[in-house]
Amino acid sequence: MLKLHLDLIANLERALGEVDTAVGKSLAPIRERARLLTTMPGVSDLVAQVVVAEIGVDMARFPTAGHLISWAGLCPRNDESAGKRRSTRVRKSGTWLKTTLVTAAWAAVRVRGSYLQAQFLRLKARRGAKKAILAVAASMLTAAYFMLRDGVPYHDLGPRHFDQRSRDNTIRRLMRRLSELGCNVTLVAQHAVQKETSQAS
């Protein structure tokens, strides 16, 4: 009887080992995706696990990143009546994902010289810290969407991204206005002009 019980225990342990191996192989791609998320500022192993547990790793069920942000309850409501906006409060949703992302966003905005910190400081001055941190959390979820969809690590746009974008938009607007006035304008980078001037002198 003792030998029979020992054989049963050995068989059960062998079966558990085979199950653990099979589960480990199945979870390997999920673990890899979670590891990619940790390349984003403010995202720890625990945060990455919560995000993956809440939204999964297959982004095919979300047509765009905007659909994911809306599902997570991180986009403002479009509550308008007679052309007047009545409320921009975010809607209620599952607390785990939103709470986790907001917590991660507070950690991310402390990273100096990052895009997320620049976004937070830019929005905080105009809309307050609470709305700014929700916008940062939405940006982090947008980045997570593309990271999980494409299997790529986080790429920081840098703190000067907004300045460069404003500069490019201003250039395009002025070029369009000059074109409407009948002027043909050729853009030349300032450093190229300085180089030519120094060579001529």
N, C-alpha and C. Protein backbone atom coordinates (compact mmCIF):
# COMPACT_ATOMS: atom_id res chain seq x y z
N MET A 1 0.82 -1.21 0.00
CA MET A 1 0.00 0.00 0.00
C MET A 1 0.86 1.27 0.00
N LEU A 2 1.95 1.21 0.79
CA LEU A 2 2.84 2.38 0.83
C LEU A 2 3.47 2.62 -0.54
N LYS A 3 3.91 1.52 -1.21
CA LYS A 3 4.52 1.66 -2.54
C LYS A 3 3.49 2.21 -3.53
N LEU A 4 2.26 1.76 -3.41
CA LEU A 4 1.21 2.24 -4.31
C LEU A 4 1.00 3.75 -4.14
N HIS A 5 0.97 4.20 -2.91
CA HIS A 5 0.78 5.62 -2.66
C HIS A 5 1.98 6.44 -3.15
N LEU A 6 3.19 5.91 -2.96
CA LEU A 6 4.37 6.62 -3.44
C LEU A 6 4.38 6.71 -4.96
N ASP A 7 3.93 5.63 -5.62
CA ASP A 7 3.86 5.67 -7.08
C ASP A 7 2.82 6.70 -7.55
N LEU A 8 1.69 6.78 -6.84
CA LEU A 8 0.67 7.77 -7.20
C LEU A 8 1.21 9.20 -7.04
N ILE A 9 1.94 9.43 -5.94
CA ILE A 9 2.53 10.76 -5.72
C ILE A 9 3.54 11.08 -6.81
N ALA A 10 4.37 10.12 -7.18
CA ALA A 10 5.37 10.34 -8.23
C ALA A 10 4.70 10.65 -9.57
N ASN A 11 3.62 9.94 -9.88
CA ASN A 11 2.90 10.19 -11.13
C ASN A 11 2.27 11.59 -11.13
N LEU A 12 1.69 11.97 -9.99
CA LEU A 12 1.10 13.31 -9.89
C LEU A 12 2.15 14.40 -10.04
N GLU A 13 3.32 14.21 -9.42
CA GLU A 13 4.39 15.20 -9.54
C GLU A 13 4.90 15.29 -10.97
N ARG A 14 4.98 14.15 -11.65
CA ARG A 14 5.40 14.16 -13.05
C ARG A 14 4.38 14.88 -13.93
N ALA A 15 3.09 14.63 -13.66
CA ALA A 15 2.04 15.31 -14.43
C ALA A 15 2.06 16.82 -14.19
N LEU A 16 2.27 17.21 -12.92
CA LEU A 16 2.36 18.64 -12.61
C LEU A 16 3.55 19.29 -13.31
N GLY A 17 4.65 18.57 -13.36
CA GLY A 17 5.84 19.10 -14.06
C GLY A 17 5.57 19.32 -15.53
N GLU A 18 4.85 18.37 -16.16
CA GLU A 18 4.52 18.52 -17.58
C GLU A 18 3.57 19.69 -17.82
N VAL A 19 2.61 19.86 -16.89
CA VAL A 19 1.68 20.99 -17.00
C VAL A 19 2.43 22.31 -16.84
N ASP A 20 3.33 22.37 -15.85
CA ASP A 20 4.10 23.60 -15.63
C ASP A 20 4.93 23.94 -16.86
N THR A 21 5.52 22.94 -17.49
CA THR A 21 6.33 23.17 -18.69
C THR A 21 5.48 23.71 -19.83
N ALA A 22 4.30 23.09 -20.01
CA ALA A 22 3.40 23.53 -21.09
C ALA A 22 2.91 24.95 -20.84
N VAL A 23 2.53 25.24 -19.59
CA VAL A 23 2.06 26.58 -19.25
C VAL A 23 3.17 27.61 -19.42
N GLY A 24 4.39 27.22 -19.02
CA GLY A 24 5.52 28.13 -19.17
C GLY A 24 5.78 28.50 -20.62
N LYS A 25 5.66 27.52 -21.51
CA LYS A 25 5.84 27.80 -22.94
C LYS A 25 4.73 28.70 -23.47
N SER A 26 3.51 28.48 -22.99
CA SER A 26 2.38 29.30 -23.45
C SER A 26 2.49 30.74 -22.94
N LEU A 27 3.03 30.89 -21.73
CA LEU A 27 3.12 32.23 -21.13
C LEU A 27 4.35 33.00 -21.57
N ALA A 28 5.30 32.35 -22.24
CA ALA A 28 6.54 33.03 -22.65
C ALA A 28 6.28 34.28 -23.49
N PRO A 29 5.41 34.22 -24.53
CA PRO A 29 5.15 35.45 -25.30
C PRO A 29 4.52 36.57 -24.47
N ILE A 30 3.66 36.17 -23.52
CA ILE A 30 3.00 37.17 -22.66
C ILE A 30 4.02 37.81 -21.74
N ARG A 31 4.92 37.00 -21.19
CA ARG A 31 5.97 37.55 -20.32
C ARG A 31 6.88 38.50 -21.11
N GLU A 32 7.16 38.16 -22.35
CA GLU A 32 8.02 39.01 -23.18
C GLU A 32 7.36 40.36 -23.44
N ARG A 33 6.04 40.35 -23.72
CA ARG A 33 5.31 41.60 -23.93
C ARG A 33 5.30 42.44 -22.65
N ALA A 34 5.12 41.78 -21.52
CA ALA A 34 5.13 42.51 -20.25
C ALA A 34 6.51 43.11 -19.99
N ARG A 35 7.57 42.39 -20.37
CA ARG A 35 8.93 42.91 -20.20
C ARG A 35 9.14 44.15 -21.06
N LEU A 36 8.57 44.17 -22.27
CA LEU A 36 8.68 45.34 -23.13
C LEU A 36 8.07 46.57 -22.48
N LEU A 37 6.94 46.38 -21.80
CA LEU A 37 6.27 47.51 -21.16
C LEU A 37 7.13 48.16 -20.09
N THR A 38 8.01 47.38 -19.46
CA THR A 38 8.86 47.94 -18.40
C THR A 38 9.93 48.87 -18.94
N THR A 39 10.10 48.96 -20.27
CA THR A 39 11.04 49.92 -20.83
C THR A 39 10.47 51.34 -20.81
N MET A 40 9.18 51.49 -20.48
CA MET A 40 8.55 52.80 -20.40
C MET A 40 8.79 53.39 -19.01
N PRO A 41 9.10 54.69 -18.90
CA PRO A 41 9.29 55.29 -17.58
C PRO A 41 8.05 55.13 -16.71
N GLY A 42 8.27 54.79 -15.45
CA GLY A 42 7.17 54.66 -14.50
C GLY A 42 6.50 53.30 -14.47
N VAL A 43 6.86 52.42 -15.39
CA VAL A 43 6.21 51.10 -15.48
C VAL A 43 7.11 50.05 -14.83
N SER A 44 6.69 49.56 -13.68
CA SER A 44 7.41 48.49 -12.99
C SER A 44 6.90 47.14 -13.48
N ASP A 45 7.49 46.07 -12.96
CA ASP A 45 7.03 44.72 -13.32
C ASP A 45 5.57 44.53 -12.92
N LEU A 46 5.20 45.03 -11.74
CA LEU A 46 3.83 44.88 -11.27
C LEU A 46 2.85 45.65 -12.16
N VAL A 47 3.20 46.88 -12.52
CA VAL A 47 2.34 47.68 -13.40
C VAL A 47 2.17 46.99 -14.75
N ALA A 48 3.27 46.47 -15.29
CA ALA A 48 3.21 45.78 -16.59
C ALA A 48 2.30 44.56 -16.51
N GLN A 49 2.38 43.83 -15.40
CA GLN A 49 1.53 42.65 -15.24
C GLN A 49 0.06 43.03 -15.15
N VAL A 50 -0.24 44.13 -14.45
CA VAL A 50 -1.64 44.59 -14.34
C VAL A 50 -2.16 45.00 -15.71
N VAL A 51 -1.36 45.75 -16.47
CA VAL A 51 -1.78 46.21 -17.79
C VAL A 51 -2.06 45.03 -18.70
N VAL A 52 -1.15 44.06 -18.72
CA VAL A 52 -1.34 42.88 -19.57
C VAL A 52 -2.54 42.08 -19.11
N ALA A 53 -2.74 41.96 -17.80
CA ALA A 53 -3.89 41.22 -17.28
C ALA A 53 -5.20 41.89 -17.66
N GLU A 54 -5.21 43.22 -17.71
CA GLU A 54 -6.44 43.96 -18.00
C GLU A 54 -6.76 44.01 -19.49
N ILE A 55 -5.76 44.24 -20.34
CA ILE A 55 -6.04 44.44 -21.77
C ILE A 55 -5.52 43.31 -22.65
N GLY A 56 -4.73 42.38 -22.07
CA GLY A 56 -4.19 41.30 -22.88
C GLY A 56 -3.02 41.77 -23.74
N VAL A 57 -2.57 40.91 -24.65
CA VAL A 57 -1.46 41.27 -25.54
C VAL A 57 -1.90 41.33 -27.00
N ASP A 58 -3.12 40.90 -27.29
CA ASP A 58 -3.65 40.96 -28.65
C ASP A 58 -4.45 42.24 -28.81
N MET A 59 -3.88 43.19 -29.54
CA MET A 59 -4.54 44.49 -29.71
C MET A 59 -5.51 44.51 -30.88
N ALA A 60 -5.75 43.36 -31.50
CA ALA A 60 -6.66 43.30 -32.64
C ALA A 60 -8.09 43.66 -32.24
N ARG A 61 -8.44 43.46 -30.99
CA ARG A 61 -9.81 43.77 -30.56
C ARG A 61 -10.04 45.26 -30.38
N PHE A 62 -8.98 46.05 -30.42
CA PHE A 62 -9.10 47.51 -30.37
C PHE A 62 -8.67 48.06 -31.73
N PRO A 63 -9.60 48.58 -32.54
CA PRO A 63 -9.23 49.07 -33.88
C PRO A 63 -8.14 50.14 -33.86
N THR A 64 -8.18 51.01 -32.87
CA THR A 64 -7.17 52.06 -32.74
C THR A 64 -6.81 52.25 -31.27
N ALA A 65 -5.75 53.02 -31.05
CA ALA A 65 -5.36 53.33 -29.67
C ALA A 65 -6.45 54.15 -28.98
N GLY A 66 -7.17 54.97 -29.75
CA GLY A 66 -8.25 55.77 -29.18
C GLY A 66 -9.36 54.91 -28.61
N HIS A 67 -9.65 53.78 -29.27
CA HIS A 67 -10.67 52.87 -28.74
C HIS A 67 -10.24 52.29 -27.39
N LEU A 68 -8.94 51.97 -27.28
CA LEU A 68 -8.43 51.43 -26.01
C LEU A 68 -8.51 52.48 -24.91
N ILE A 69 -8.12 53.70 -25.22
CA ILE A 69 -8.17 54.78 -24.23
C ILE A 69 -9.60 55.03 -23.77
N SER A 70 -10.54 55.01 -24.72
CA SER A 70 -11.94 55.20 -24.37
C SER A 70 -12.44 54.06 -23.50
N TRP A 71 -12.06 52.83 -23.84
CA TRP A 71 -12.46 51.66 -23.06
C TRP A 71 -11.92 51.74 -21.64
N ALA A 72 -10.71 52.28 -21.49
CA ALA A 72 -10.09 52.39 -20.17
C ALA A 72 -10.64 53.57 -19.37
N GLY A 73 -11.45 54.42 -20.01
CA GLY A 73 -12.03 55.56 -19.31
C GLY A 73 -11.05 56.70 -19.08
N LEU A 74 -10.09 56.87 -20.01
CA LEU A 74 -9.08 57.91 -19.84
C LEU A 74 -9.26 59.08 -20.82
N CYS A 75 -10.35 59.06 -21.59
CA CYS A 75 -10.58 60.19 -22.50
C CYS A 75 -11.75 61.01 -21.96
N PRO A 76 -11.70 62.35 -22.15
CA PRO A 76 -12.78 63.20 -21.64
C PRO A 76 -14.07 62.99 -22.40
N ARG A 77 -15.19 63.18 -21.73
CA ARG A 77 -16.49 63.06 -22.39
C ARG A 77 -16.72 64.23 -23.32
N ASN A 78 -17.48 63.99 -24.38
CA ASN A 78 -17.84 65.04 -25.31
C ASN A 78 -19.29 65.45 -25.03
N ASP A 79 -19.46 66.17 -23.94
CA ASP A 79 -20.80 66.56 -23.48
C ASP A 79 -21.08 67.99 -23.91
N GLU A 80 -21.74 68.14 -25.05
CA GLU A 80 -22.05 69.46 -25.57
C GLU A 80 -23.54 69.60 -25.82
N SER A 81 -24.02 70.82 -25.66
CA SER A 81 -25.42 71.12 -25.93
C SER A 81 -25.51 72.54 -26.48
N ALA A 82 -26.10 72.68 -27.66
CA ALA A 82 -26.25 73.98 -28.32
C ALA A 82 -24.90 74.67 -28.50
N GLY A 83 -23.88 73.87 -28.81
CA GLY A 83 -22.55 74.44 -29.04
C GLY A 83 -21.76 74.75 -27.80
N LYS A 84 -22.33 74.47 -26.62
CA LYS A 84 -21.63 74.75 -25.37
C LYS A 84 -21.17 73.45 -24.73
N ARG A 85 -19.90 73.41 -24.38
CA ARG A 85 -19.36 72.22 -23.71
C ARG A 85 -19.71 72.28 -22.24
N ARG A 86 -20.43 71.25 -21.77
CA ARG A 86 -20.90 71.24 -20.38
C ARG A 86 -19.96 70.49 -19.45
N SER A 87 -19.32 69.43 -19.95
CA SER A 87 -18.45 68.64 -19.07
C SER A 87 -17.38 67.95 -19.89
N THR A 88 -16.17 67.91 -19.33
CA THR A 88 -15.07 67.18 -19.96
C THR A 88 -14.51 66.13 -19.00
N ARG A 89 -15.29 65.81 -17.97
CA ARG A 89 -14.83 64.81 -17.00
C ARG A 89 -14.74 63.45 -17.67
N VAL A 90 -13.71 62.67 -17.28
CA VAL A 90 -13.58 61.33 -17.82
C VAL A 90 -14.68 60.46 -17.23
N ARG A 91 -15.08 59.47 -18.01
CA ARG A 91 -16.16 58.61 -17.54
C ARG A 91 -15.63 57.56 -16.58
N LYS A 92 -16.53 56.98 -15.81
CA LYS A 92 -16.15 55.93 -14.88
C LYS A 92 -15.89 54.64 -15.65
N SER A 93 -14.94 53.86 -15.14
CA SER A 93 -14.61 52.58 -15.79
C SER A 93 -14.04 51.65 -14.73
N GLY A 94 -13.53 50.51 -15.17
CA GLY A 94 -12.89 49.59 -14.24
C GLY A 94 -11.74 50.28 -13.52
N THR A 95 -11.68 50.13 -12.22
CA THR A 95 -10.73 50.91 -11.44
C THR A 95 -9.30 50.42 -11.55
N TRP A 96 -9.09 49.14 -11.80
CA TRP A 96 -7.74 48.59 -11.75
C TRP A 96 -6.82 49.23 -12.76
N LEU A 97 -7.22 49.23 -14.03
CA LEU A 97 -6.34 49.74 -15.09
C LEU A 97 -6.10 51.23 -14.94
N LYS A 98 -7.18 52.00 -14.76
CA LYS A 98 -7.03 53.46 -14.66
C LYS A 98 -6.19 53.84 -13.44
N THR A 99 -6.48 53.24 -12.29
CA THR A 99 -5.73 53.54 -11.08
C THR A 99 -4.26 53.19 -11.24
N THR A 100 -3.99 52.04 -11.83
CA THR A 100 -2.60 51.60 -12.03
C THR A 100 -1.86 52.56 -12.95
N LEU A 101 -2.51 52.97 -14.04
CA LEU A 101 -1.85 53.87 -15.00
C LEU A 101 -1.61 55.25 -14.41
N VAL A 102 -2.55 55.75 -13.62
CA VAL A 102 -2.36 57.05 -12.98
C VAL A 102 -1.20 56.99 -11.99
N THR A 103 -1.12 55.91 -11.23
CA THR A 103 0.00 55.74 -10.30
C THR A 103 1.32 55.69 -11.05
N ALA A 104 1.34 54.95 -12.17
CA ALA A 104 2.55 54.87 -12.99
C ALA A 104 2.89 56.22 -13.61
N ALA A 105 1.86 57.00 -13.95
CA ALA A 105 2.09 58.31 -14.56
C ALA A 105 2.78 59.25 -13.57
N TRP A 106 2.38 59.20 -12.29
CA TRP A 106 3.03 60.04 -11.29
C TRP A 106 4.51 59.69 -11.16
N ALA A 107 4.84 58.40 -11.31
CA ALA A 107 6.25 58.00 -11.27
C ALA A 107 6.97 58.44 -12.54
N ALA A 108 6.27 58.37 -13.68
CA ALA A 108 6.90 58.70 -14.97
C ALA A 108 7.26 60.17 -15.08
N VAL A 109 6.40 61.05 -14.54
CA VAL A 109 6.65 62.49 -14.70
C VAL A 109 7.81 62.96 -13.83
N ARG A 110 8.33 62.11 -12.96
CA ARG A 110 9.50 62.46 -12.16
C ARG A 110 10.80 62.16 -12.90
N VAL A 111 10.72 61.50 -14.05
CA VAL A 111 11.92 61.19 -14.83
C VAL A 111 12.33 62.43 -15.61
N ARG A 112 13.48 62.97 -15.29
CA ARG A 112 13.93 64.22 -15.90
C ARG A 112 14.25 64.03 -17.38
N GLY A 113 13.97 65.05 -18.16
CA GLY A 113 14.33 65.04 -19.57
C GLY A 113 13.54 64.05 -20.40
N SER A 114 12.31 63.75 -19.99
CA SER A 114 11.49 62.79 -20.73
C SER A 114 10.30 63.49 -21.37
N TYR A 115 9.75 62.85 -22.39
CA TYR A 115 8.56 63.39 -23.07
C TYR A 115 7.38 63.48 -22.10
N LEU A 116 7.21 62.47 -21.25
CA LEU A 116 6.07 62.44 -20.35
C LEU A 116 6.14 63.57 -19.32
N GLN A 117 7.34 63.88 -18.83
CA GLN A 117 7.48 65.00 -17.90
C GLN A 117 7.18 66.32 -18.60
N ALA A 118 7.67 66.47 -19.84
CA ALA A 118 7.40 67.69 -20.60
C ALA A 118 5.91 67.86 -20.86
N GLN A 119 5.22 66.76 -21.17
CA GLN A 119 3.78 66.82 -21.40
C GLN A 119 3.05 67.23 -20.12
N PHE A 120 3.44 66.66 -19.01
CA PHE A 120 2.79 66.98 -17.74
C PHE A 120 2.96 68.45 -17.38
N LEU A 121 4.19 68.96 -17.47
CA LEU A 121 4.45 70.36 -17.11
C LEU A 121 3.73 71.31 -18.05
N ARG A 122 3.64 70.94 -19.31
CA ARG A 122 2.97 71.79 -20.30
C ARG A 122 1.46 71.89 -20.02
N LEU A 123 0.85 70.75 -19.68
CA LEU A 123 -0.59 70.74 -19.43
C LEU A 123 -0.95 71.23 -18.03
N LYS A 124 -0.07 71.00 -17.08
CA LYS A 124 -0.34 71.40 -15.69
C LYS A 124 -0.53 72.91 -15.59
N ALA A 125 0.26 73.68 -16.36
CA ALA A 125 0.17 75.14 -16.29
C ALA A 125 -1.17 75.65 -16.78
N ARG A 126 -1.81 74.91 -17.70
CA ARG A 126 -3.07 75.39 -18.27
C ARG A 126 -4.31 74.73 -17.68
N ARG A 127 -4.20 73.45 -17.31
CA ARG A 127 -5.39 72.70 -16.94
C ARG A 127 -5.35 72.10 -15.54
N GLY A 128 -4.24 72.24 -14.85
CA GLY A 128 -4.14 71.69 -13.50
C GLY A 128 -3.49 70.31 -13.49
N ALA A 129 -3.02 69.93 -12.30
CA ALA A 129 -2.26 68.68 -12.18
C ALA A 129 -3.10 67.44 -12.44
N LYS A 130 -4.37 67.43 -11.98
CA LYS A 130 -5.20 66.22 -12.12
C LYS A 130 -5.48 65.89 -13.58
N LYS A 131 -5.86 66.89 -14.36
CA LYS A 131 -6.12 66.64 -15.77
C LYS A 131 -4.83 66.34 -16.52
N ALA A 132 -3.75 66.98 -16.09
CA ALA A 132 -2.46 66.72 -16.74
C ALA A 132 -2.01 65.28 -16.53
N ILE A 133 -2.19 64.77 -15.31
CA ILE A 133 -1.74 63.40 -15.03
C ILE A 133 -2.61 62.39 -15.75
N LEU A 134 -3.90 62.69 -15.94
CA LEU A 134 -4.76 61.79 -16.73
C LEU A 134 -4.31 61.77 -18.19
N ALA A 135 -3.89 62.93 -18.70
CA ALA A 135 -3.39 62.98 -20.08
C ALA A 135 -2.11 62.18 -20.22
N VAL A 136 -1.24 62.24 -19.22
CA VAL A 136 0.00 61.45 -19.25
C VAL A 136 -0.32 59.96 -19.21
N ALA A 137 -1.29 59.58 -18.36
CA ALA A 137 -1.70 58.17 -18.28
C ALA A 137 -2.25 57.70 -19.62
N ALA A 138 -3.02 58.57 -20.30
CA ALA A 138 -3.55 58.22 -21.62
C ALA A 138 -2.42 58.06 -22.63
N SER A 139 -1.40 58.92 -22.55
CA SER A 139 -0.25 58.80 -23.44
C SER A 139 0.50 57.50 -23.20
N MET A 140 0.62 57.12 -21.94
CA MET A 140 1.30 55.87 -21.61
C MET A 140 0.52 54.67 -22.14
N LEU A 141 -0.81 54.72 -22.06
CA LEU A 141 -1.62 53.63 -22.58
C LEU A 141 -1.55 53.59 -24.10
N THR A 142 -1.47 54.76 -24.74
CA THR A 142 -1.30 54.81 -26.19
C THR A 142 0.02 54.15 -26.59
N ALA A 143 1.09 54.49 -25.87
CA ALA A 143 2.39 53.88 -26.14
C ALA A 143 2.33 52.37 -25.92
N ALA A 144 1.65 51.94 -24.84
CA ALA A 144 1.53 50.51 -24.55
C ALA A 144 0.79 49.79 -25.67
N TYR A 145 -0.21 50.44 -26.24
CA TYR A 145 -0.97 49.85 -27.35
C TYR A 145 -0.04 49.50 -28.51
N PHE A 146 0.78 50.45 -28.92
CA PHE A 146 1.67 50.21 -30.06
C PHE A 146 2.82 49.26 -29.70
N MET A 147 3.28 49.33 -28.45
CA MET A 147 4.33 48.41 -28.02
C MET A 147 3.85 46.97 -28.03
N LEU A 148 2.62 46.75 -27.53
CA LEU A 148 2.06 45.40 -27.52
C LEU A 148 1.68 44.93 -28.92
N ARG A 149 1.19 45.85 -29.74
CA ARG A 149 0.78 45.48 -31.10
C ARG A 149 1.97 45.12 -31.97
N ASP A 150 3.04 45.91 -31.87
CA ASP A 150 4.19 45.74 -32.77
C ASP A 150 5.35 44.99 -32.13
N GLY A 151 5.28 44.75 -30.81
CA GLY A 151 6.36 44.04 -30.13
C GLY A 151 7.66 44.83 -30.08
N VAL A 152 7.57 46.14 -29.82
CA VAL A 152 8.76 47.00 -29.81
C VAL A 152 8.90 47.65 -28.43
N PRO A 153 10.13 48.00 -28.02
CA PRO A 153 10.31 48.69 -26.74
C PRO A 153 9.88 50.15 -26.83
N TYR A 154 9.86 50.81 -25.70
CA TYR A 154 9.42 52.20 -25.63
C TYR A 154 10.45 53.12 -26.25
N HIS A 155 9.98 54.09 -27.03
CA HIS A 155 10.86 55.10 -27.62
C HIS A 155 10.42 56.47 -27.13
N ASP A 156 11.29 57.14 -26.38
CA ASP A 156 10.94 58.44 -25.82
C ASP A 156 11.14 59.52 -26.88
N LEU A 157 10.13 60.39 -27.04
CA LEU A 157 10.20 61.46 -28.03
C LEU A 157 11.07 62.62 -27.56
N GLY A 158 11.39 62.67 -26.29
CA GLY A 158 12.26 63.72 -25.78
C GLY A 158 11.49 64.94 -25.29
N PRO A 159 12.12 65.74 -24.43
CA PRO A 159 11.43 66.90 -23.85
C PRO A 159 11.19 68.03 -24.85
N ARG A 160 11.91 68.06 -25.97
CA ARG A 160 11.76 69.14 -26.94
C ARG A 160 10.76 68.81 -28.03
N HIS A 161 10.04 67.71 -27.89
CA HIS A 161 9.10 67.28 -28.93
C HIS A 161 8.02 68.33 -29.18
N PHE A 162 7.47 68.89 -28.11
CA PHE A 162 6.38 69.86 -28.27
C PHE A 162 6.88 71.16 -28.90
N ASP A 163 8.10 71.59 -28.52
CA ASP A 163 8.67 72.79 -29.13
C ASP A 163 8.88 72.59 -30.63
N GLN A 164 9.40 71.41 -30.99
CA GLN A 164 9.65 71.13 -32.39
C GLN A 164 8.35 71.03 -33.18
N ARG A 165 7.34 70.42 -32.57
CA ARG A 165 6.05 70.30 -33.25
C ARG A 165 5.41 71.67 -33.45
N SER A 166 5.51 72.55 -32.44
CA SER A 166 4.97 73.90 -32.58
C SER A 166 5.71 74.66 -33.67
N ARG A 167 7.03 74.47 -33.72
CA ARG A 167 7.84 75.13 -34.75
C ARG A 167 7.44 74.68 -36.14
N ASP A 168 7.28 73.37 -36.31
CA ASP A 168 6.90 72.83 -37.62
C ASP A 168 5.52 73.31 -38.03
N ASN A 169 4.58 73.34 -37.08
CA ASN A 169 3.23 73.82 -37.40
C ASN A 169 3.24 75.30 -37.80
N THR A 170 4.07 76.10 -37.11
CA THR A 170 4.16 77.52 -37.44
C THR A 170 4.74 77.71 -38.83
N ILE A 171 5.77 76.94 -39.16
CA ILE A 171 6.38 77.03 -40.50
C ILE A 171 5.38 76.67 -41.57
N ARG A 172 4.62 75.59 -41.36
CA ARG A 172 3.64 75.18 -42.37
C ARG A 172 2.55 76.24 -42.54
N ARG A 173 2.10 76.84 -41.41
CA ARG A 173 1.06 77.85 -41.49
C ARG A 173 1.55 79.08 -42.26
N LEU A 174 2.77 79.52 -41.96
CA LEU A 174 3.31 80.69 -42.64
C LEU A 174 3.57 80.43 -44.12
N MET A 175 4.04 79.20 -44.43
CA MET A 175 4.27 78.83 -45.84
C MET A 175 2.96 78.85 -46.61
N ARG A 176 1.91 78.33 -46.00
CA ARG A 176 0.61 78.30 -46.65
C ARG A 176 0.08 79.72 -46.87
N ARG A 177 0.29 80.58 -45.86
CA ARG A 177 -0.18 81.96 -45.99
C ARG A 177 0.58 82.71 -47.09
N LEU A 178 1.90 82.51 -47.16
CA LEU A 178 2.70 83.15 -48.21
C LEU A 178 2.31 82.64 -49.59
N SER A 179 2.00 81.34 -49.66
CA SER A 179 1.56 80.78 -50.94
C SER A 179 0.24 81.39 -51.38
N GLU A 180 -0.67 81.61 -50.40
CA GLU A 180 -1.96 82.24 -50.72
C GLU A 180 -1.78 83.67 -51.22
N LEU A 181 -0.70 84.33 -50.77
CA LEU A 181 -0.42 85.70 -51.20
C LEU A 181 0.36 85.75 -52.51
N GLY A 182 0.62 84.58 -53.09
CA GLY A 182 1.29 84.53 -54.39
C GLY A 182 2.80 84.52 -54.32
N CYS A 183 3.38 84.16 -53.19
CA CYS A 183 4.83 84.13 -53.05
C CYS A 183 5.34 82.69 -53.12
N ASN A 184 6.48 82.52 -53.80
CA ASN A 184 7.16 81.23 -53.82
C ASN A 184 8.32 81.30 -52.84
N VAL A 185 8.29 80.46 -51.84
CA VAL A 185 9.30 80.50 -50.78
C VAL A 185 10.06 79.19 -50.74
N THR A 186 11.38 79.29 -50.62
CA THR A 186 12.21 78.10 -50.48
C THR A 186 12.79 78.08 -49.07
N LEU A 187 12.59 77.02 -48.36
CA LEU A 187 13.10 76.92 -47.00
C LEU A 187 14.57 76.52 -47.00
N VAL A 188 15.35 77.25 -46.24
CA VAL A 188 16.77 76.93 -46.06
C VAL A 188 17.06 76.92 -44.57
N ALA A 189 17.64 75.82 -44.09
CA ALA A 189 17.94 75.72 -42.66
C ALA A 189 18.93 76.79 -42.24
N GLN A 190 18.76 77.33 -41.02
CA GLN A 190 19.59 78.42 -40.56
C GLN A 190 21.06 78.03 -40.47
N HIS A 191 21.33 76.78 -40.05
CA HIS A 191 22.72 76.35 -39.91
C HIS A 191 23.40 76.28 -41.27
N ALA A 192 22.60 75.99 -42.34
CA ALA A 192 23.17 75.95 -43.68
C ALA A 192 23.55 77.36 -44.13
N VAL A 193 22.71 78.36 -43.80
CA VAL A 193 23.02 79.75 -44.15
C VAL A 193 24.25 80.22 -43.41
N GLN A 194 24.37 79.88 -42.14
CA GLN A 194 25.53 80.28 -41.35
C GLN A 194 26.81 79.66 -41.90
N LYS A 195 26.69 78.41 -42.36
CA LYS A 195 27.85 77.73 -42.92
C LYS A 195 28.32 78.41 -44.20
N GLU A 196 27.35 78.76 -45.07
CA GLU A 196 27.70 79.43 -46.32
C GLU A 196 28.30 80.80 -46.04
N THR A 197 27.78 81.51 -45.04
CA THR A 197 28.30 82.83 -44.70
C THR A 197 29.73 82.75 -44.19
N SER A 198 29.99 81.75 -43.34
CA SER A 198 31.34 81.59 -42.80
C SER A 198 32.33 81.21 -43.89
N GLN A 199 31.89 80.39 -44.86
CA GLN A 199 32.78 80.02 -45.95
C GLN A 199 33.07 81.22 -46.85
N ALA A 200 32.05 82.08 -47.07
CA ALA A 200 32.24 83.25 -47.92
C ALA A 200 33.18 84.26 -47.27
N SER A 201 33.10 84.38 -45.93
CA SER A 201 33.99 85.32 -45.24
C SER A 201 35.38 84.75 -45.10
